[in-house]
Each structure stands twice: as structure tokens, then as C-alpha cells.
């Protein structure tokens, strides 16, 4: 490999460190953040991408294929001028969603890994032209929104039998058409779900309003019962009985010898 002083990009901004049996990325290459344009670290023994990789802000072409990478750090998204990224033939299980920040990325190769997830954020790569997902047998689903990338023309899923039939896996046009159908269906489902949520919200509001009205009705009933309880017991019956007794006493004191006399006041008026 030689000493660190030899790790210098050439006049074209390229640095080729292919097949050097590297276990880690030499720190000395981070000394050229404004000079390094192309970096080839393929066919080494790298297990991780350090966060320092994000310092290479002018890097356009990065090849990390045929290593032992299992995790790709989200710091790679700091390489915002990246146009080509080759992560093929590693042991990667996830693509970092932060990669969507690389808005100039045109080619992404993640074939022959152990991907079980493809982030929805990849559909936010406006310049992506070629995407290779082949050889990821554990990958059972890819986001249908990939079909919304206007520049995406080539997509390969060769060997991914759980995604598409064998005769479709290398047919980019058919794959994109299938994704378009899935995406349109997903949008219809989203609209229907949003409508259901809206109706459920209205139903909940109506139920709450009904509950409040029932509480108010119960309160009025309780108030009415309380008022009924305050009324004297058998008031009307008592009043009727009192009037009957009063009439009897009146008759008793005003009748003499079978002749009904007028009340005393009336008799006095007549005498005058």
C-alpha cells in the first residue's frame, strides 16, 4: 500500500485504492475535500463508512463495491454532489433514507446485498437515472413512488423473485409500469382512508354532541323531578276537601228552621 503520503488524488481528482486489503479508510484522504472527485475503494475489507466521508463535499463518483459493509452511514448524504454510488456486493441491509439529500445522484447500485427494506425517500432523488436492486433475495417490496422520478429509465430487480416474475425483473419499462399501477392504487387507498378518517371524525363529533344533549336532557328531567317533589302531597285533593268542608260549615251556620238565611253582612245591608 505504501505510506500515507502517497494517497493523493491525481490531476483529474481521482483516487484509486482498489484491492488494497484495507480494513479502514485512510484518514489522509480527507485532507483533499476540495480536490477529490472520484474515489474507488472497491475490493477491500471495509466494514463501515465513517462519518468523515461527509467531508468530501465535491465527490462525484464513489465505488465501495465488494467490501464487507453492513451499515451505510447517513453522513454520506453530505456528499451532495455525488452522481454515482456503487454499494454492490456487500452485506448491507438498509439504504439510509438520508441519501435522498444527494439531489444530483444519477446512478445507484445496491445489487447483491441483503436489503430487506428500500426507503420511500429514494423517490425524492430528482436526477436518478439508473437503480440496480438485483440480487437482494430478502427484499420483498419497493416503494411504488419510484415511478414518480421523471428521470428514472433503468431499474433492475434481477433475482428478486418475491418482487416480480423472472421475465419482468430486467425489463425496466414493465417494472416502472407495474410501479405506476401500484402507486395509483395506493393514492386511491390513501384518498379513501382520508375520507374514512374525516367521516369518523364527524361521526365522533356528532356522537359527542348527542352525548352532551343527553346529559342536558337528563339534567332537565332531574330538575323536573325535584320540582315535582317540592309540590305539597295531594295538594289538589286537600284543596277540594277544604272547599267541601267550608261549604258545609257555611250551610250549617246560615240555615235556621229550614230557611236559608243570608250571611250576616247581607242581612245588615237589607236592614239599613
Protein backbone atom coordinates (compact mmCIF):
# COMPACT_ATOMS: atom_id res chain seq x y z
CA UNK A 1 0.00 0.00 0.00
CA UNK A 2 2.82 2.41 0.78
CA UNK A 3 2.80 5.26 3.26
CA UNK A 4 0.04 7.80 3.70
CA UNK A 5 1.90 10.44 1.76
CA UNK A 6 1.23 8.51 -1.44
CA UNK A 7 -2.57 8.77 -1.01
CA UNK A 8 -3.08 11.79 -3.21
CA UNK A 9 -5.68 12.32 -5.93
CA UNK A 10 -4.30 12.62 -9.45
CA UNK A 11 -4.66 15.69 -11.65
CA UNK A 12 -8.20 14.60 -12.58
CA UNK A 13 -9.28 14.39 -8.96
CA UNK A 14 -9.32 10.58 -8.95
CA UNK A 15 -8.00 8.28 -6.25
CA UNK A 16 -7.97 4.53 -6.91
CA UNK A 17 -7.49 2.33 -3.84
CA UNK A 18 -8.97 -0.83 -5.29
CA UNK A 19 -7.90 -4.19 -3.88
CA UNK A 20 -5.56 -2.83 -1.23
CA UNK A 21 -6.90 -5.08 1.58
CA UNK A 22 -7.94 -2.03 3.53
CA UNK A 23 -9.84 -2.59 6.80
CA UNK A 24 -10.44 1.12 7.34
CA UNK A 25 -10.40 4.16 5.11
CA UNK A 26 -7.12 6.08 5.43
CA UNK A 27 -7.61 9.36 7.25
CA UNK A 28 -5.18 11.12 4.94
CA UNK A 29 -7.61 11.17 2.02
CA UNK A 30 -9.92 13.52 3.95
CA UNK A 31 -7.24 16.16 3.52
CA UNK A 32 -8.49 16.78 -0.02
CA UNK A 33 -12.18 17.73 0.35
CA UNK A 34 -11.95 20.30 -2.46
CA UNK A 35 -9.87 18.16 -4.81
CA UNK A 36 -11.18 14.61 -4.63
CA UNK A 37 -13.83 13.96 -7.30
CA UNK A 38 -13.65 10.20 -7.79
CA UNK A 39 -12.86 7.61 -5.12
CA UNK A 40 -12.57 3.88 -5.76
CA UNK A 41 -12.38 1.75 -2.59
CA UNK A 42 -13.73 -1.44 -4.13
CA UNK A 43 -12.49 -4.95 -3.32
CA UNK A 44 -11.19 -4.25 0.17
CA UNK A 45 -12.24 -5.40 3.64
CA UNK A 46 -14.14 -2.32 4.76
CA UNK A 47 -16.88 -2.93 7.35
CA UNK A 48 -18.20 0.59 7.77
CA UNK A 49 -18.29 4.02 6.17
CA UNK A 50 -17.00 6.59 8.68
CA UNK A 51 -18.82 9.87 9.26
CA UNK A 52 -15.73 11.70 7.94
CA UNK A 53 -16.80 10.66 4.44
CA UNK A 54 -19.20 13.59 4.57
CA UNK A 55 -16.25 15.97 4.36
CA UNK A 56 -15.68 15.11 0.71
CA UNK A 57 -18.18 17.68 -0.47
CA UNK A 58 -17.03 17.68 -4.12
CA UNK A 59 -17.02 13.90 -4.51
CA UNK A 60 -18.95 12.82 -7.61
CA UNK A 61 -18.12 9.14 -8.02
CA UNK A 62 -17.83 6.72 -5.07
CA UNK A 63 -17.22 2.99 -5.50
CA UNK A 64 -17.45 0.83 -2.38
CA UNK A 65 -18.38 -2.44 -4.06
CA UNK A 66 -17.04 -5.83 -3.00
CA UNK A 67 -16.38 -4.97 0.62
CA UNK A 68 -17.97 -6.20 3.84
CA UNK A 69 -20.18 -3.24 4.55
CA UNK A 70 -23.24 -3.94 6.66
CA UNK A 71 -24.33 -0.41 7.50
CA UNK A 72 -24.13 2.71 5.38
CA UNK A 73 -23.80 5.85 7.48
CA UNK A 74 -26.25 8.65 6.79
CA UNK A 75 -23.27 11.01 6.72
CA UNK A 76 -22.73 10.01 3.11
CA UNK A 77 -25.64 12.33 2.34
CA UNK A 78 -23.26 15.23 2.96
CA UNK A 79 -21.63 14.39 -0.37
CA UNK A 80 -24.32 16.42 -2.09
CA UNK A 81 -22.57 16.47 -5.49
CA UNK A 82 -22.45 12.71 -5.70
CA UNK A 83 -23.57 11.42 -9.11
CA UNK A 84 -22.61 7.76 -8.96
CA UNK A 85 -22.68 5.49 -5.91
CA UNK A 86 -21.76 1.81 -6.13
CA UNK A 87 -22.51 -0.21 -2.98
CA UNK A 88 -22.93 -3.55 -4.72
CA UNK A 89 -21.71 -6.90 -3.39
CA UNK A 90 -21.66 -6.09 0.29
CA UNK A 91 -23.79 -7.18 3.25
CA UNK A 92 -25.94 -4.05 3.52
CA UNK A 93 -29.45 -4.49 4.95
CA UNK A 94 -30.70 -0.91 4.76
CA UNK A 95 -30.25 2.07 2.47
CA UNK A 96 -30.05 5.24 4.59
CA UNK A 97 -33.04 7.50 3.87
CA UNK A 98 -30.69 10.48 4.23
CA UNK A 99 -29.35 9.55 0.80
CA UNK A 100 -32.28 11.49 -0.65
CA UNK A 101 -30.25 14.66 0.08
CA UNK A 102 -27.94 13.75 -2.80
CA UNK A 103 -30.11 15.53 -5.34
CA UNK A 104 -27.54 15.10 -8.15
CA UNK A 105 -27.30 11.30 -7.82
CA UNK A 106 -27.85 9.63 -11.19
CA UNK A 107 -26.70 6.05 -10.66
CA UNK A 108 -27.26 3.92 -7.55
CA UNK A 109 -26.13 0.30 -7.46
CA UNK A 110 -27.04 -1.68 -4.36
CA UNK A 111 -27.20 -5.08 -6.04
CA UNK A 112 -26.15 -8.31 -4.34
CA UNK A 113 -26.65 -7.20 -0.76
CA UNK A 114 -29.03 -8.27 1.97
CA UNK A 115 -31.56 -5.49 1.64
CA UNK A 116 -34.89 -6.11 3.33
CA UNK A 117 -36.06 -2.53 3.04
CA UNK A 118 -36.00 0.18 0.40
CA UNK A 119 -36.81 3.63 1.80
CA UNK A 120 -39.62 5.72 0.37
CA UNK A 121 -37.24 8.68 0.44
CA UNK A 122 -35.42 7.37 -2.65
CA UNK A 123 -38.30 8.69 -4.71
CA UNK A 124 -37.03 12.13 -3.74
CA UNK A 125 -33.92 11.74 -5.92
CA UNK A 126 -34.87 14.01 -8.84
CA UNK A 127 -31.90 13.13 -11.07
CA UNK A 128 -31.82 9.34 -10.57
CA UNK A 129 -31.46 7.61 -13.93
CA UNK A 130 -30.43 4.06 -13.05
CA UNK A 131 -31.25 1.94 -9.99
CA UNK A 132 -29.95 -1.59 -9.54
CA UNK A 133 -31.64 -3.66 -6.82
CA UNK A 134 -30.75 -7.08 -8.23
CA UNK A 135 -29.68 -9.98 -6.07
CA UNK A 136 -31.41 -8.88 -2.86
CA UNK A 137 -33.45 -12.01 -2.25
CA UNK A 138 -34.75 -10.73 1.11
CA UNK A 139 -36.21 -7.60 -0.47
CA UNK A 140 -39.96 -8.18 -0.69
CA UNK A 141 -41.19 -4.69 -1.53
CA UNK A 142 -40.01 -1.49 -3.17
CA UNK A 143 -41.80 1.86 -2.96
CA UNK A 144 -44.21 2.39 -5.82
CA UNK A 145 -43.41 6.11 -5.67
CA UNK A 146 -40.16 5.38 -7.52
CA UNK A 147 -42.24 5.66 -10.69
CA UNK A 148 -42.68 9.37 -9.96
CA UNK A 149 -38.97 10.08 -10.59
CA UNK A 150 -39.11 11.67 -14.05
CA UNK A 151 -35.51 10.78 -14.96
CA UNK A 152 -35.60 7.10 -13.89
CA UNK A 153 -35.28 4.97 -17.01
CA UNK A 154 -33.42 1.86 -15.88
CA UNK A 155 -34.34 -0.26 -12.88
CA UNK A 156 -33.23 -3.83 -12.38
CA UNK A 157 -34.56 -6.40 -9.93
CA UNK A 158 -32.90 -9.48 -11.36
CA UNK A 159 -33.02 -12.41 -8.95
CA UNK A 160 -35.67 -10.80 -6.74
CA UNK A 161 -38.39 -13.38 -7.31
CA UNK A 162 -40.54 -12.00 -4.49
CA UNK A 163 -40.84 -8.67 -6.33
CA UNK A 164 -41.53 -9.55 -9.96
CA UNK A 165 -41.72 -12.62 -12.21
CA UNK A 166 -38.42 -13.71 -13.78
CA UNK A 167 -39.35 -12.41 -17.24
CA UNK A 168 -40.01 -8.94 -15.82
CA UNK A 169 -37.07 -8.49 -13.44
CA UNK A 170 -34.79 -6.89 -16.05
CA UNK A 171 -37.48 -5.10 -18.04
CA UNK A 172 -37.33 -1.53 -16.80
CA UNK A 173 -40.37 -0.40 -18.76
CA UNK A 174 -42.58 -3.14 -17.34
CA UNK A 175 -41.27 -2.65 -13.81
CA UNK A 176 -41.95 1.07 -13.94
CA UNK A 177 -45.42 0.40 -15.39
CA UNK A 178 -46.16 -2.00 -12.51
CA UNK A 179 -44.96 0.56 -10.02
CA UNK A 180 -47.16 3.18 -11.67
CA UNK A 181 -50.22 0.93 -11.27
CA UNK A 182 -49.33 0.25 -7.64
CA UNK A 183 -48.74 3.94 -6.98
CA UNK A 184 -52.08 4.97 -8.46
CA UNK A 185 -53.83 2.30 -6.41
CA UNK A 186 -52.00 3.42 -3.26
CA UNK A 187 -53.10 7.01 -3.89
CA UNK A 188 -56.73 5.88 -4.24
CA UNK A 189 -56.41 3.95 -0.99
CA UNK A 190 -54.93 7.00 0.72
CA UNK A 191 -57.80 9.17 -0.50
CA UNK A 192 -60.34 6.61 0.69
CA UNK A 193 -58.63 6.31 4.08
CA UNK A 194 -58.53 10.09 4.45
CA UNK A 195 -62.26 10.23 3.66
CA UNK A 196 -62.96 7.50 6.20
CA UNK A 197 -61.00 9.38 8.84
CA UNK A 198 -62.95 12.54 8.02
CA UNK A 199 -66.28 10.74 8.33
CA UNK A 200 -65.19 9.04 11.54
CA UNK A 201 -64.21 12.44 12.91
CA UNK A 202 -67.61 13.85 12.01
CA UNK A 203 -69.32 10.80 13.49
CA UNK A 204 -67.33 11.21 16.70
CA UNK A 205 -68.28 14.90 16.83
CA UNK A 206 -71.95 14.01 16.30
CA UNK A 207 -71.76 11.32 18.97
CA UNK A 208 -70.19 13.80 21.37
CA UNK A 209 -72.91 16.33 20.59
CA UNK A 210 -75.57 13.67 21.18
CA UNK A 211 -73.93 12.74 24.47
CA UNK A 212 -73.99 16.38 25.59
CA UNK A 213 -77.66 16.72 24.62
CA UNK A 214 -78.49 13.54 26.52
CA UNK A 215 -76.71 14.90 29.57
CA UNK A 216 -78.66 18.15 29.29
CA UNK A 217 -81.91 16.21 28.89
CA UNK A 218 -81.12 14.10 31.96
CA UNK A 219 -80.36 17.27 33.89
CA UNK A 220 -83.74 18.76 32.91
CA UNK A 221 -85.53 15.55 33.89
CA UNK A 222 -83.80 15.58 37.27
CA UNK A 223 -84.76 19.23 37.75
CA UNK A 224 -88.38 18.44 36.86
CA UNK A 225 -88.45 15.55 39.32
CA UNK A 226 -87.03 17.83 42.00
CA UNK A 227 -89.76 20.40 41.33
CA UNK A 228 -92.43 17.70 41.47
CA UNK A 229 -91.03 16.57 44.80
CA UNK A 230 -91.30 20.10 46.20
CA UNK A 231 -95.05 20.29 45.38
CA UNK A 232 -97.30 19.57 48.53
CA UNK A 233 -98.50 16.00 48.62
CA UNK A 234 -102.05 15.62 47.22
CA UNK A 235 -102.39 19.36 47.01
CA UNK A 236 -105.43 19.31 44.74
CA UNK A 237 -107.21 16.68 46.84
CA UNK A 238 -106.62 18.68 50.01
CA UNK A 239 -107.85 21.86 48.37
CA UNK A 240 -111.04 20.11 47.18
CA UNK A 241 -111.69 18.64 50.64
CA UNK A 242 -111.18 22.04 52.24
CA UNK A 243 -113.72 23.63 49.90
CA UNK A 244 -116.27 20.90 50.69
CA UNK A 245 -115.84 21.38 54.44
CA UNK A 246 -116.07 25.13 54.05
CA UNK A 247 -119.34 24.82 52.14
CA UNK A 248 -120.82 22.52 54.77
CA UNK A 249 -119.98 24.88 57.61
CA UNK A 250 -121.44 27.73 55.68
CA UNK A 251 -124.70 25.88 55.21
CA UNK A 252 -124.75 24.86 58.89
CA UNK A 253 -124.49 28.39 60.28
CA UNK A 254 -126.74 30.07 57.71
CA UNK A 255 -129.79 27.66 57.81
CA UNK A 256 -132.38 28.11 60.60
CA UNK A 257 -135.73 26.25 60.62
CA UNK A 258 -135.20 25.04 57.13
CA UNK A 259 -134.91 28.63 55.82
CA UNK A 260 -131.56 29.58 54.41
CA UNK A 261 -130.51 32.89 55.82
CA UNK A 262 -128.23 35.27 54.10
CA UNK A 263 -124.95 35.87 55.65
CA UNK A 264 -124.91 38.37 58.48
CA UNK A 265 -123.38 41.10 56.38
CA UNK A 266 -126.07 40.76 53.73
CA UNK A 267 -128.85 40.92 56.36
CA UNK A 268 -127.39 44.09 57.84
CA UNK A 269 -127.38 45.81 54.48
CA UNK A 270 -131.04 44.96 53.99
CA UNK A 271 -131.98 46.35 57.43
CA UNK A 272 -130.39 49.68 56.65
